[in-house]
Amino acid sequence: MDKLYFIFETSQSLSDTGIGSITEQKVSESNDVYRNRINWCAKKSVSENCRYQIISESQFPPDFDNYAWDYTNNDGIGLQNSFTQSWDEFLTENTSLWVGH
């Protein structure tokens, strides 16, 4: 599985784009758990009400610096200041695969 990244708006009113990822890909995790982990990190990291999209390394456009990202089909909305859900709570809510650590 490719490493995943979250591409996000840095402000609701600007078209600036940021890139985030998690430092360690848990290779023993299923794809669903890994995708949930990156989604949980994005919710906690992206500014309030800014959209983000999860992409794989192979999905990066060739000229990312000059690419205007389209968030029409975003994967979520940032909740940086108000998101307090723990990883276990988030995973339990978002997947039926989690049985424990």
Protein backbone atom coordinates (compact mmCIF):
# COMPACT_ATOMS: atom_id res chain seq x y z
CA MET A 1 0.00 0.00 0.00
CA ASP A 2 1.23 3.48 -0.86
CA LYS A 3 1.93 5.94 1.92
CA LEU A 4 -1.09 8.20 2.46
CA TYR A 5 -1.15 11.99 2.81
CA PHE A 6 -3.83 14.52 3.57
CA ILE A 7 -4.00 17.60 1.37
CA PHE A 8 -5.81 20.48 3.05
CA GLU A 9 -6.88 24.09 2.83
CA THR A 10 -4.87 26.31 5.14
CA SER A 11 -7.71 28.82 5.41
CA GLN A 12 -11.39 28.84 4.48
CA SER A 13 -10.97 31.97 2.40
CA LEU A 14 -7.60 31.29 0.73
CA SER A 15 -6.62 28.74 -1.87
CA ASP A 16 -3.37 27.88 -0.05
CA THR A 17 -2.77 24.15 0.25
CA GLY A 18 -0.93 22.18 2.93
CA ILE A 19 0.30 18.59 3.04
CA GLY A 20 0.28 16.33 6.08
CA SER A 21 1.02 12.69 6.85
CA ILE A 22 1.80 10.44 9.73
CA THR A 23 5.46 9.71 10.35
CA GLU A 24 5.16 5.96 10.61
CA GLN A 25 3.08 3.73 8.41
CA LYS A 26 1.92 0.79 10.46
CA VAL A 27 2.67 -1.96 7.95
CA SER A 28 0.94 -4.57 10.10
CA GLU A 29 -2.36 -2.67 10.06
CA SER A 30 -5.05 -3.41 7.55
CA ASN A 31 -5.66 -0.81 4.84
CA ASP A 32 -8.90 0.27 6.57
CA VAL A 33 -7.18 0.88 9.90
CA TYR A 34 -4.33 2.79 8.24
CA ARG A 35 -6.82 4.95 6.29
CA ASN A 36 -8.74 5.62 9.52
CA ARG A 37 -5.49 6.59 11.26
CA ILE A 38 -4.65 9.18 8.59
CA ASN A 39 -8.25 10.47 8.71
CA TRP A 40 -8.08 10.83 12.52
CA CYS A 41 -4.76 12.70 12.24
CA ALA A 42 -6.19 15.01 9.58
CA LYS A 43 -9.25 15.90 11.69
CA LYS A 44 -6.96 16.76 14.62
CA SER A 45 -4.42 18.69 12.51
CA VAL A 46 -6.40 20.68 9.93
CA SER A 47 -7.80 24.06 10.96
CA GLU A 48 -11.47 24.37 11.89
CA ASN A 49 -13.86 24.09 8.92
CA CYS A 50 -11.10 23.65 6.35
CA ARG A 51 -11.52 20.74 3.94
CA TYR A 52 -9.04 17.93 3.44
CA GLN A 53 -8.62 15.04 1.05
CA ILE A 54 -6.66 11.84 1.56
CA ILE A 55 -4.47 10.76 -1.35
CA SER A 56 -1.78 8.17 -1.93
CA GLU A 57 1.73 9.01 -3.00
CA SER A 58 0.99 7.81 -6.53
CA GLN A 59 -1.95 10.26 -6.81
CA PHE A 60 0.17 13.41 -6.45
CA PRO A 61 -0.08 15.62 -9.53
CA PRO A 62 3.20 15.99 -11.47
CA ASP A 63 3.50 19.73 -10.73
CA PHE A 64 2.05 19.95 -7.22
CA ASP A 65 3.38 23.47 -6.55
CA ASN A 66 1.28 24.90 -9.37
CA TYR A 67 -1.74 22.63 -8.95
CA ALA A 68 -5.11 24.10 -7.87
CA TRP A 69 -6.59 21.44 -5.61
CA ASP A 70 -10.32 20.70 -5.95
CA TYR A 71 -11.97 19.85 -2.62
CA THR A 72 -15.39 19.04 -4.13
CA ASN A 73 -15.05 15.39 -3.06
CA ASN A 74 -13.25 16.04 0.23
CA ASP A 75 -12.75 13.30 2.81
CA GLY A 76 -13.49 15.50 5.78
CA ILE A 77 -13.50 18.85 7.54
CA GLY A 78 -10.79 19.87 9.99
CA LEU A 79 -11.72 20.17 13.66
CA GLN A 80 -8.32 21.12 15.08
CA ASN A 81 -9.54 23.09 18.11
CA SER A 82 -12.65 21.09 18.97
CA PHE A 83 -11.79 17.48 18.07
CA THR A 84 -11.18 15.54 21.28
CA GLN A 85 -12.09 12.00 20.28
CA SER A 86 -9.43 9.44 21.21
CA TRP A 87 -7.98 7.07 18.62
CA ASP A 88 -9.85 4.11 20.14
CA GLU A 89 -13.17 6.00 20.12
CA PHE A 90 -12.66 7.15 16.54
CA LEU A 91 -11.70 3.68 15.32
CA THR A 92 -14.62 2.02 17.09
CA GLU A 93 -17.00 4.51 15.49
CA ASN A 94 -15.50 4.25 12.00
CA THR A 95 -14.70 0.57 11.48
CA SER A 96 -15.89 -2.81 12.62
CA LEU A 97 -12.41 -4.33 12.13
CA TRP A 98 -10.97 -3.12 15.42
CA VAL A 99 -10.90 -5.77 18.10
CA GLY A 100 -8.08 -4.35 20.23
CA HIS A 101 -4.55 -3.03 19.98
